[in-house]
Every structure is written in structure tokens, then in C-alpha cells.
Amino acid sequence: MEKKTPSIGLVSSTYGLAWLGFTLLTSMNTTYYIYFLTEVVKFTPAAMGALLSGVRLIGLISSLVVGIVIEKTNFRWGKYRSWLLFAAPGASIFYALMFTNPNLSPTMKMVYLAFVYVMMQNFLNLLSASSMSFIPIIGQSPTARVLLSSRRAQFMTGGRIFFSIISMPVILFFNRGVEANAFGYFAVTALFGLVCIGGHLMFFNMTKEYDKPQPKGTASGPTLSLKDMLEQLTKNPPLLLLIVSNSAMMTAFMTMTALAAYYFSYVVNNIVMIATYMTVISVTQLLGALATPNICCKIDKRSAYIFGLLMVSTGHLLAWAFAKTALLFIIINGIGYFGYAIATSTLGAMFSDTCDYAEWKTGKSARGLIMSMSGIPPNIGIFLSSLVLSLGFTAIDFVAGMESTPALVSGINVLINLVPSGLMLIGAVAIFFYSLTNTRVQQLQQECAARQAAATKA
């Protein structure tokens, strides 16, 4: 008896749960890792910048390679499902090791942390690329793709809320009230890793009927040539525009989250308030993610994405100009990040649409390769945000543990508000040239289906 395929609602919820665990891990990196390196490991801003710039550049290269690796493999559990089994545990282990401070010389400690970070990125890129590949596989219509993409964003935002509420209190609990101690960061990351592994195992079990091993020689199978793969990317202007836009968006978000600990330490003089701030912007993002499916019923997802980024950009600009207290900073940016959720909720569906464009343009399908490109913007964001912070800290003469001064407060305010505002604006402008509306995507799908039908008859 043939197994019944799980409903799209159940699959999308399990998909979201996997991304919740993913978000808990990555939030430790984007929120605390730069702070961990300067305040716990005691790296200088220059040393921190050198380390992160190097390893994150390698991570960017890795994100370009993983799509090829996935397209060239065809394991017994499915082309994409198989990687969930390997990559989730690997990413979780190396994420926890990132938050260790071994008793080594400064040079050897940098080598150790660089190795751990690179290994983490390799596994994380494989996990992200294989997971994102399921959106065009499961979602065959624009509505289904928006559902999967928004459910992913909803659970990711829920993960950020949970993270915002418990991360710092639990870190302080394990550290017995001391911020600058490695064990608390390690313990919390290890616990989040277990959640990540469990969520991806559940999604693995849910998607057996969607991803079965493919016969050799199929267009999207392991015989797709490197030339074919290159054409999938170079002949896909919508994909390239989306990468540019999302890279600007991710750089802005990661700059903001990395600076939050410094803002509340040196501007507000109360690090514990970071929990309130991250919780507020996470709650407004959850509301935005919940609203997105209804918004996309009224306007095209491309327009919704642009509106979302403009909303965040405006929020940061207003916070820079008028947020003279922590409360105003939290309220203004909290409202602005409602728009960020709208953009992230449509992102997976928009990347999926570029798969249809590539198949229409080249006559061949390589979903894994194209969806792996969605891993490039986060890596660009991580790489560029570390450069922004390193250069920014140098420009404002920041030294870990220094006394707060008006110049320092002004400098951090510029870095956490004006820089993200400008980057979000760049992201919105890029998508003005993105041509894949819902109507256009449906036309491409119909033409591809007609070609396949004609080829089958022939």
C-alpha cells in the first residue's frame, strides 16, 4: 500500500520547527560571538576583525560550493534529505566549540577558533542549502511557496523570541552571574544544538515521499555538468538581483544584532536590557510573519518585500534621529522590524521562483544549486558585518572595557542605526529591477510543463 503524502500544513509546520533550531544556533553567532571574542577571549578589535574576516570569507566560498556538492550526490535517503542527517549534528557540534576559550597561546587560540569556525560554516551551509531546496519541491504554486516561506519565517521569529528571553539569563546562570566566562556560552549553544538536531530529524522523517533518490542521467540528477550549473546562475538575472538585495539586508541585520550587546553595555549601561530589546523586535517580527500570507493575497510578494525593507530602513533612521532613551530605541526599531519579517517571509518563495526561471531559460533544473545560493547572502552579511564592526570600532577608538563617553555613544548610535538603514534601502532598490511577479512565474511554469509534455510525446 502506497504511503500517504503528509499535508502541506503539517509539512510546513515541521519545516518551521527545523528552522527554529537553526535560528537558535545562528542567533548565538550573530548576537554574541563578536562580544564573546572581545570580552571573553580578550581579542583586540583588530584581531577579532582579522579572524572573522578570514574565516567568513572562507564561509562565503563554501556557500558557493555546497550547491555543486549537493547536485553531484544522490544518497539512499534522497538528494536533499540525506544532508539533513549529516549536517545538523556537524553544525551543532562545531557551533558549541566556537564558544570555548582553551588555554592556548594567542596565536594557537586564533588557529583553533578559525578551524572550528570554518568547519561550522561548512556544515551550516550544507544544512541551509539542503533545507531551502525543499521549498520549490514541496511548494508547486506561489501560494504554497509563500506558506512554506512564511512558516519558516514564523518559526525562526519564534526562535528569536525564545532566544531573546532565555539566552542571556541562562548564560548568566551557568556563569554564576559573570558575563565574561566561556562556559555559559558553550552550554547554551550545546543545548540549542540538540534542538536543531531534533527539529531536522523530524523534518527528515516527514519528507520521505517528497525527496526520493533520482535515477542517474536525469536533468536535475548527479550528471548535471559544471557548465550546466554555471548557466543556471549566469543566465538568471532575478537570482543575482535577489542575492544583492538579500546580502544588503543580511549585512544590516547582522550589524544591528552584533552591536546590540555593545549598545546596551556602553550606551544604556545595562546589558540585561538586551533581552527586552531582542524580545520586542522578535515579537513584532512574529506578527509580521503571521501577517505576510494575508498581505501577499492582496499585493505581489515582490512589492511586499520592498515595502518591508523600506519600513526597516525608515525605523533605523528615526531611531538614530530621535531615540535618545533606551525605551524609544526599543519601540521605534520594534515597529520597524515588523517590515523585516515581511521581507524574510517572502524570501524563500522568491528564491524558489528563480528556480522556475532558470529551468525556463536553460531547459534544465538544478533546484539544489539555486536554492544553495540563498546561503550566500547570510555569509556575505556575516563577512561584511564583521568588517563594518572592525572598521567602525577602530574609527570610534573603541577599546573593550572602556568608560562610556559622549563620543562613544554617538559612534555606536551611528553604527547600529545609520549603517543598517542605508543597507536596507539598497536592498529595496535592487528588487525594483526584479521581474518575477506571481503572474510571470505562473507563465514560466506553464511553458516548462508544455515543453515536458511535448518531449514526453516525442
Protein backbone atom coordinates (compact mmCIF):
# COMPACT_ATOMS: atom_id res chain seq x y z
CA MET A 1 0.00 0.00 0.00
CA GLU A 2 1.41 3.37 -1.03
CA LYS A 3 2.16 5.78 1.81
CA LYS A 4 0.04 8.90 2.02
CA THR A 5 1.96 12.13 1.49
CA PRO A 6 1.66 14.40 4.57
CA SER A 7 -0.45 17.54 4.17
CA ILE A 8 1.24 20.79 3.19
CA GLY A 9 0.15 22.29 6.52
CA LEU A 10 1.82 19.56 8.57
CA VAL A 11 4.96 19.56 6.46
CA SER A 12 5.27 23.35 6.60
CA SER A 13 4.98 23.31 10.41
CA THR A 14 7.67 20.64 10.71
CA TYR A 15 9.78 22.64 8.28
CA GLY A 16 9.37 25.66 10.51
CA LEU A 17 10.39 23.65 13.57
CA ALA A 18 13.65 22.66 11.88
CA TRP A 19 14.37 26.31 11.16
CA LEU A 20 13.58 27.24 14.76
CA GLY A 21 16.52 25.10 15.90
CA PHE A 22 18.66 26.53 13.11
CA THR A 23 17.82 30.05 14.31
CA LEU A 24 18.71 29.34 17.93
CA LEU A 25 22.21 28.32 16.81
CA THR A 26 22.81 31.16 14.39
CA SER A 27 21.50 33.72 16.88
CA MET A 28 24.35 32.81 19.22
CA ASN A 29 26.75 33.76 16.43
CA THR A 30 25.08 36.96 15.28
CA THR A 31 24.24 38.22 18.77
CA TYR A 32 27.11 37.15 20.99
CA TYR A 33 30.13 35.91 19.08
CA ILE A 34 31.86 39.23 18.45
CA TYR A 35 31.13 40.17 22.08
CA PHE A 36 32.49 36.75 23.15
CA LEU A 37 35.74 37.28 21.23
CA THR A 38 36.42 40.75 22.64
CA GLU A 39 35.08 40.38 26.19
CA VAL A 40 35.72 36.68 26.98
CA VAL A 41 38.62 35.62 24.75
CA LYS A 42 40.03 39.17 25.04
CA PHE A 43 40.94 39.61 21.39
CA THR A 44 41.58 43.19 20.34
CA PRO A 45 39.12 44.64 17.77
CA ALA A 46 41.86 44.31 15.14
CA ALA A 47 42.50 40.63 15.99
CA MET A 48 38.77 39.93 16.11
CA GLY A 49 38.31 41.59 12.71
CA ALA A 50 41.21 39.67 11.17
CA LEU A 51 39.91 36.33 12.45
CA LEU A 52 36.30 36.83 11.41
CA SER A 53 37.12 38.41 8.06
CA GLY A 54 39.29 35.44 7.13
CA VAL A 55 37.01 32.64 8.25
CA ARG A 56 33.87 34.31 6.96
CA LEU A 57 35.43 34.77 3.55
CA ILE A 58 36.08 31.03 3.53
CA GLY A 59 32.44 30.55 4.56
CA LEU A 60 31.34 32.64 1.61
CA ILE A 61 33.36 30.44 -0.74
CA SER A 62 31.88 27.37 0.95
CA SER A 63 28.35 28.62 0.27
CA LEU A 64 29.20 28.73 -3.43
CA VAL A 65 30.49 25.16 -3.40
CA VAL A 66 27.83 23.35 -1.37
CA GLY A 67 25.23 23.63 -4.12
CA ILE A 68 27.54 21.80 -6.51
CA VAL A 69 28.22 19.14 -3.87
CA ILE A 70 24.51 18.59 -3.31
CA GLU A 71 23.74 18.41 -7.04
CA LYS A 72 26.55 15.87 -7.54
CA THR A 73 25.30 13.50 -4.84
CA ASN A 74 22.40 11.07 -4.76
CA PHE A 75 22.39 9.23 -1.43
CA ARG A 76 19.95 6.49 -0.49
CA TRP A 77 17.78 8.84 1.63
CA GLY A 78 17.26 11.36 -1.19
CA LYS A 79 19.31 14.10 -2.81
CA TYR A 80 18.39 16.73 -0.19
CA ARG A 81 17.07 14.77 2.80
CA SER A 82 20.36 12.91 3.26
CA TRP A 83 22.23 16.08 4.08
CA LEU A 84 19.86 16.83 6.96
CA LEU A 85 21.21 13.72 8.71
CA PHE A 86 24.86 14.73 8.37
CA ALA A 87 24.85 18.50 8.50
CA ALA A 88 22.64 19.19 11.54
CA PRO A 89 24.85 17.26 14.02
CA GLY A 90 28.04 18.59 12.43
CA ALA A 91 26.91 22.22 12.62
CA SER A 92 25.69 21.80 16.20
CA ILE A 93 28.97 20.29 17.46
CA PHE A 94 31.20 22.92 15.91
CA TYR A 95 28.87 25.74 16.94
CA ALA A 96 29.31 24.72 20.59
CA LEU A 97 33.10 24.50 20.16
CA MET A 98 33.13 28.09 18.84
CA PHE A 99 32.23 29.24 22.34
CA THR A 100 35.25 27.73 24.07
CA ASN A 101 38.33 29.53 25.34
CA PRO A 102 41.12 26.93 25.60
CA ASN A 103 44.31 27.67 27.49
CA LEU A 104 46.49 28.26 24.43
CA SER A 105 48.85 30.94 23.24
CA PRO A 106 47.12 33.82 21.42
CA THR A 107 48.34 32.55 18.04
CA MET A 108 47.28 28.95 18.62
CA LYS A 109 43.97 30.10 20.07
CA MET A 110 43.28 32.04 16.87
CA VAL A 111 44.21 29.00 14.76
CA TYR A 112 41.93 26.77 16.85
CA LEU A 113 38.95 29.12 16.68
CA ALA A 114 39.49 29.66 12.94
CA PHE A 115 39.42 25.90 12.29
CA VAL A 116 36.29 25.41 14.38
CA TYR A 117 34.51 28.32 12.69
CA VAL A 118 35.33 27.11 9.18
CA MET A 119 34.06 23.60 9.97
CA MET A 120 30.88 25.07 11.45
CA GLN A 121 30.27 27.11 8.32
CA ASN A 122 30.74 24.13 6.01
CA PHE A 123 28.14 22.07 7.85
CA LEU A 124 25.80 25.04 8.28
CA ASN A 125 25.93 25.88 4.56
CA LEU A 126 25.09 22.27 3.67
CA LEU A 127 22.22 22.28 6.15
CA SER A 128 20.78 25.58 4.89
CA ALA A 129 21.11 24.70 1.19
CA SER A 130 19.55 21.26 1.50
CA SER A 131 16.70 22.58 3.67
CA MET A 132 15.91 25.53 1.38
CA SER A 133 15.76 23.15 -1.60
CA PHE A 134 12.51 21.74 -0.27
CA ILE A 135 10.53 24.95 -0.87
CA PRO A 136 10.29 24.52 -4.69
CA ILE A 137 9.93 20.73 -4.30
CA ILE A 138 7.04 20.82 -1.85
CA GLY A 139 5.54 24.13 -2.98
CA GLN A 140 4.39 23.82 -6.58
CA SER A 141 2.30 27.00 -6.55
CA PRO A 142 3.02 30.61 -5.48
CA THR A 143 0.57 30.21 -2.59
CA ALA A 144 2.23 27.03 -1.30
CA ARG A 145 5.66 28.61 -1.59
CA VAL A 146 4.60 31.67 0.37
CA LEU A 147 3.10 29.34 3.00
CA LEU A 148 6.36 27.41 3.39
CA SER A 149 8.46 30.55 3.30
CA SER A 150 6.28 32.40 5.81
CA ARG A 151 6.03 29.37 8.11
CA ARG A 152 9.82 29.22 8.06
CA ALA A 153 9.95 32.90 9.00
CA GLN A 154 7.30 32.46 11.71
CA PHE A 155 9.21 29.69 13.46
CA MET A 156 12.52 31.49 13.00
CA THR A 157 11.00 34.55 14.65
CA GLY A 158 9.54 32.39 17.39
CA GLY A 159 13.03 31.02 17.89
CA ARG A 160 14.40 34.55 18.19
CA ILE A 161 11.76 35.40 20.81
CA PHE A 162 12.68 32.31 22.81
CA PHE A 163 16.35 33.12 22.34
CA SER A 164 15.85 36.74 23.40
CA ILE A 165 14.06 35.76 26.58
CA ILE A 166 16.29 32.96 27.81
CA SER A 167 19.75 33.26 26.25
CA MET A 168 21.38 35.87 28.48
CA PRO A 169 19.67 34.76 31.73
CA VAL A 170 20.70 31.14 31.11
CA ILE A 171 24.24 32.19 30.13
CA LEU A 172 24.47 34.16 33.38
CA PHE A 173 23.03 31.18 35.29
CA PHE A 174 25.71 28.83 34.00
CA ASN A 175 28.35 31.51 34.59
CA ARG A 176 27.06 32.22 38.11
CA GLY A 177 26.33 35.83 37.26
CA VAL A 178 29.57 36.58 35.42
CA GLU A 179 29.22 37.78 31.80
CA ALA A 180 32.82 37.19 30.70
CA ASN A 181 33.02 33.42 31.17
CA ALA A 182 33.10 30.93 28.31
CA PHE A 183 31.22 28.03 29.89
CA GLY A 184 27.79 29.68 29.89
CA TYR A 185 28.00 30.50 26.18
CA PHE A 186 29.19 26.95 25.41
CA ALA A 187 26.46 25.28 27.47
CA VAL A 188 23.62 27.32 25.97
CA THR A 189 24.91 26.72 22.43
CA ALA A 190 25.14 22.96 23.07
CA LEU A 191 21.53 22.90 24.27
CA PHE A 192 20.38 24.83 21.20
CA GLY A 193 22.30 22.32 19.06
CA LEU A 194 20.19 19.48 20.44
CA VAL A 195 17.03 21.38 19.47
CA CYS A 196 18.43 21.91 15.96
CA ILE A 197 19.23 18.22 15.51
CA GLY A 198 15.81 17.12 16.79
CA GLY A 199 13.93 19.52 14.52
CA HIS A 200 15.78 18.44 11.41
CA LEU A 201 15.30 14.76 12.20
CA MET A 202 11.56 15.36 12.43
CA PHE A 203 11.57 17.14 9.06
CA PHE A 204 13.69 14.33 7.59
CA ASN A 205 11.05 11.78 8.60
CA MET A 206 8.24 13.97 7.23
CA THR A 207 9.66 14.40 3.71
CA LYS A 208 10.38 10.87 2.56
CA GLU A 209 7.71 10.98 -0.14
CA TYR A 210 8.90 14.34 -1.46
CA ASP A 211 12.58 13.50 -2.00
CA LYS A 212 13.46 10.07 -3.30
CA PRO A 213 16.81 9.02 -4.87
CA GLN A 214 16.78 10.05 -8.55
CA PRO A 215 17.76 7.81 -11.45
CA LYS A 216 21.14 8.66 -12.91
CA GLY A 217 21.00 10.75 -16.04
CA THR A 218 18.04 12.95 -15.11
CA ALA A 219 18.39 16.66 -15.75
CA SER A 220 18.50 17.51 -12.07
CA GLY A 221 20.48 14.45 -11.07
CA PRO A 222 24.16 13.95 -10.42
CA THR A 223 25.10 14.05 -14.14
CA LEU A 224 24.34 17.77 -14.46
CA SER A 225 27.62 19.21 -15.76
CA LEU A 226 29.54 22.11 -14.27
CA LYS A 227 28.80 24.09 -17.42
CA ASP A 228 25.07 23.44 -16.93
CA MET A 229 25.36 24.61 -13.33
CA LEU A 230 27.19 27.77 -14.34
CA GLU A 231 24.45 28.58 -16.87
CA GLN A 232 21.82 28.16 -14.13
CA LEU A 233 23.44 31.10 -12.34
CA THR A 234 24.81 33.37 -15.06
CA LYS A 235 21.60 33.29 -17.12
CA ASN A 236 19.45 34.15 -14.12
CA PRO A 237 19.31 37.96 -13.53
CA PRO A 238 16.45 37.70 -10.98
CA LEU A 239 18.62 35.39 -8.83
CA LEU A 240 21.58 37.77 -8.97
CA LEU A 241 19.39 40.75 -8.00
CA LEU A 242 17.91 38.78 -5.13
CA ILE A 243 21.38 37.85 -3.88
CA VAL A 244 22.46 41.51 -3.95
CA SER A 245 19.33 42.65 -2.14
CA ASN A 246 19.37 39.91 0.47
CA SER A 247 23.10 40.44 1.08
CA ALA A 248 22.49 44.10 1.92
CA MET A 249 19.56 43.11 4.11
CA MET A 250 21.52 40.44 6.00
CA THR A 251 24.54 42.71 6.49
CA ALA A 252 22.23 45.30 8.03
CA PHE A 253 20.52 42.81 10.33
CA MET A 254 23.73 41.17 11.49
CA THR A 255 25.39 44.53 12.10
CA MET A 256 22.45 45.53 14.27
CA THR A 257 22.31 42.28 16.26
CA ALA A 258 26.09 42.16 16.80
CA LEU A 259 26.07 45.75 18.07
CA ALA A 260 23.09 45.28 20.39
CA ALA A 261 25.27 43.90 23.20
CA TYR A 262 27.60 46.91 22.89
CA TYR A 263 24.68 49.36 22.74
CA PHE A 264 23.17 48.11 25.97
CA SER A 265 26.56 47.72 27.66
CA TYR A 266 28.09 51.09 26.77
CA VAL A 267 25.16 53.35 25.82
CA VAL A 268 22.44 52.12 28.17
CA ASN A 269 24.86 50.67 30.78
CA ASN A 270 22.56 47.69 31.32
CA ILE A 271 23.44 44.55 29.33
CA VAL A 272 20.39 42.68 30.69
CA MET A 273 18.09 45.04 28.72
CA ILE A 274 19.26 43.33 25.54
CA ALA A 275 16.75 40.61 26.40
CA THR A 276 13.91 43.16 26.34
CA TYR A 277 15.10 44.66 23.06
CA MET A 278 15.57 41.36 21.24
CA THR A 279 12.24 40.11 22.58
CA VAL A 280 10.35 43.19 21.36
CA ILE A 281 11.79 43.12 17.83
CA SER A 282 11.24 39.35 17.70
CA VAL A 283 7.58 39.71 18.73
CA THR A 284 6.96 42.36 16.07
CA GLN A 285 8.71 40.12 13.54
CA LEU A 286 6.44 37.24 14.52
CA LEU A 287 3.43 39.48 13.95
CA GLY A 288 4.84 40.48 10.57
CA ALA A 289 5.46 36.86 9.60
CA LEU A 290 1.92 35.89 10.60
CA ALA A 291 0.52 38.78 8.57
CA THR A 292 2.56 38.08 5.43
CA PRO A 293 0.35 35.37 3.85
CA ASN A 294 -2.62 37.75 4.03
CA ILE A 295 -0.53 40.66 2.75
CA CYS A 296 0.61 38.55 -0.21
CA CYS A 297 -3.01 37.76 -1.04
CA LYS A 298 -3.53 41.47 -1.66
CA ILE A 299 -0.21 42.52 -3.22
CA ASP A 300 2.53 40.68 -5.09
CA LYS A 301 5.26 39.22 -2.87
CA ARG A 302 7.84 41.35 -4.69
CA SER A 303 6.01 44.52 -3.60
CA ALA A 304 5.62 43.15 -0.08
CA TYR A 305 9.37 42.51 0.11
CA ILE A 306 10.22 46.07 -0.98
CA PHE A 307 7.72 47.57 1.46
CA GLY A 308 9.21 45.53 4.30
CA LEU A 309 12.77 46.70 3.71
CA LEU A 310 11.70 50.35 3.38
CA MET A 311 9.90 50.03 6.69
CA VAL A 312 13.05 48.79 8.46
CA SER A 313 15.20 51.46 6.82
CA THR A 314 12.85 54.19 7.98
CA GLY A 315 12.73 52.77 11.50
CA HIS A 316 16.51 52.83 11.89
CA LEU A 317 16.69 56.37 10.51
CA LEU A 318 14.08 57.55 13.02
CA ALA A 319 15.85 55.74 15.86
CA TRP A 320 19.12 57.49 15.00
CA ALA A 321 17.44 60.89 14.94
CA PHE A 322 15.01 60.67 17.86
CA ALA A 323 15.78 57.66 20.12
CA LYS A 324 17.50 59.45 22.99
CA THR A 325 16.43 56.81 25.52
CA ALA A 326 16.56 53.02 25.55
CA LEU A 327 12.76 52.85 25.58
CA LEU A 328 12.40 54.92 22.39
CA PHE A 329 15.17 52.91 20.72
CA ILE A 330 13.33 49.68 21.51
CA ILE A 331 9.89 50.96 20.43
CA ILE A 332 10.98 52.56 17.14
CA ASN A 333 13.11 49.65 15.97
CA GLY A 334 10.50 47.21 17.24
CA ILE A 335 7.94 48.73 14.87
CA GLY A 336 10.45 48.85 12.02
CA TYR A 337 11.28 45.15 12.26
CA PHE A 338 7.66 44.26 11.54
CA GLY A 339 8.71 45.05 7.97
CA TYR A 340 11.82 42.87 8.21
CA ALA A 341 9.58 39.88 8.85
CA ILE A 342 7.52 40.63 5.74
CA ALA A 343 10.70 40.59 3.65
CA THR A 344 12.08 37.38 5.18
CA SER A 345 8.69 35.67 4.89
CA THR A 346 8.65 36.14 1.12
CA LEU A 347 12.34 35.41 0.56
CA GLY A 348 12.19 31.64 0.26
CA ALA A 349 9.33 31.87 -2.24
CA MET A 350 11.26 34.40 -4.32
CA PHE A 351 14.35 32.18 -4.45
CA SER A 352 12.07 29.29 -5.47
CA ASP A 353 10.71 31.39 -8.32
CA THR A 354 14.24 31.84 -9.66
CA CYS A 355 14.43 28.03 -9.95
CA ASP A 356 11.49 28.16 -12.37
CA TYR A 357 13.15 30.99 -14.27
CA ALA A 358 16.40 29.01 -14.61
CA GLU A 359 14.57 25.91 -15.83
CA TRP A 360 12.63 28.01 -18.34
CA LYS A 361 15.81 29.74 -19.53
CA THR A 362 18.13 26.72 -19.76
CA GLY A 363 15.73 23.79 -20.14
CA LYS A 364 17.29 22.07 -17.12
CA SER A 365 16.53 22.04 -13.41
CA ALA A 366 19.03 22.38 -10.55
CA ARG A 367 16.97 23.30 -7.51
CA GLY A 368 19.67 22.35 -5.02
CA LEU A 369 22.24 24.55 -6.70
CA ILE A 370 19.98 27.58 -6.99
CA MET A 371 18.48 27.27 -3.51
CA SER A 372 22.00 26.93 -2.12
CA MET A 373 22.55 30.46 -3.41
CA SER A 374 20.18 31.56 -0.63
CA GLY A 375 23.07 30.71 1.71
CA ILE A 376 25.35 33.27 0.07
CA PRO A 377 23.66 36.44 1.46
CA PRO A 378 23.90 35.32 5.11
CA ASN A 379 27.59 34.56 4.61
CA ILE A 380 28.13 37.88 2.86
CA GLY A 381 26.22 39.52 5.71
CA ILE A 382 28.36 37.83 8.33
CA PHE A 383 31.56 38.72 6.44
CA LEU A 384 30.65 42.35 5.76
CA SER A 385 29.18 42.95 9.22
CA SER A 386 32.45 41.83 10.81
CA LEU A 387 34.28 44.33 8.57
CA VAL A 388 31.79 47.06 9.47
CA LEU A 389 32.28 46.41 13.17
CA SER A 390 36.05 46.13 12.95
CA LEU A 391 36.41 49.33 10.92
CA GLY A 392 33.68 51.06 12.91
CA PHE A 393 35.24 50.23 16.27
CA THR A 394 38.59 51.47 15.01
CA ALA A 395 37.01 54.70 13.76
CA ILE A 396 35.38 55.46 17.13
CA ASP A 397 38.50 54.37 19.09
CA PHE A 398 36.64 51.62 20.93
CA VAL A 399 38.57 49.52 23.47
CA ALA A 400 36.93 46.68 25.38
CA GLY A 401 36.06 47.73 28.92
CA MET A 402 36.48 51.47 28.28
CA GLU A 403 34.39 54.08 30.04
CA SER A 404 31.33 55.32 28.18
CA THR A 405 31.81 58.80 26.67
CA PRO A 406 29.54 61.04 24.54
CA ALA A 407 31.75 60.33 21.53
CA LEU A 408 31.47 56.56 22.07
CA VAL A 409 27.68 56.78 22.50
CA SER A 410 27.36 58.81 19.29
CA GLY A 411 29.61 56.41 17.38
CA ILE A 412 27.70 53.30 18.45
CA ASN A 413 24.40 55.05 17.60
CA VAL A 414 25.64 55.68 14.05
CA LEU A 415 26.85 52.11 13.62
CA ILE A 416 23.69 50.45 14.93
CA ASN A 417 21.22 52.74 13.14
CA LEU A 418 22.52 54.67 10.13
CA VAL A 419 24.53 51.79 8.66
CA PRO A 420 21.60 49.30 8.73
CA SER A 421 19.23 52.00 7.43
CA GLY A 422 21.36 52.62 4.35
CA LEU A 423 21.87 48.92 3.66
CA MET A 424 18.13 48.15 3.89
CA LEU A 425 17.48 50.95 1.39
CA ILE A 426 19.99 49.42 -1.03
CA GLY A 427 18.22 46.07 -0.69
CA ALA A 428 14.85 47.61 -1.52
CA VAL A 429 16.16 49.47 -4.58
CA ALA A 430 17.71 46.30 -6.05
CA ILE A 431 14.34 44.50 -6.08
CA PHE A 432 12.73 47.26 -8.14
CA PHE A 433 14.51 45.55 -11.07
CA TYR A 434 13.41 42.01 -10.09
CA SER A 435 10.95 40.86 -12.76
CA LEU A 436 9.37 37.68 -11.32
CA THR A 437 5.85 38.64 -10.33
CA ASN A 438 3.33 35.90 -9.45
CA THR A 439 1.78 36.16 -12.92
CA ARG A 440 5.14 35.86 -14.64
CA VAL A 441 6.12 32.80 -12.57
CA GLN A 442 2.88 31.02 -13.43
CA GLN A 443 3.55 31.71 -17.12
CA LEU A 444 7.05 30.22 -16.82
CA GLN A 445 5.71 27.12 -15.07
CA GLN A 446 3.10 26.60 -17.78
CA GLU A 447 5.69 26.91 -20.55
CA CYS A 448 8.03 24.45 -18.81
CA ALA A 449 5.18 21.99 -18.34
CA ALA A 450 4.25 22.29 -22.02
CA ARG A 451 7.85 21.58 -23.05
CA GLN A 452 7.97 18.49 -20.85
CA ALA A 453 4.68 17.23 -22.24
CA ALA A 454 5.91 17.73 -25.80
CA ALA A 455 9.18 15.93 -25.03
CA THR A 456 7.31 13.01 -23.49
CA LYS A 457 5.09 12.62 -26.56
CA ALA A 458 8.11 12.78 -28.85
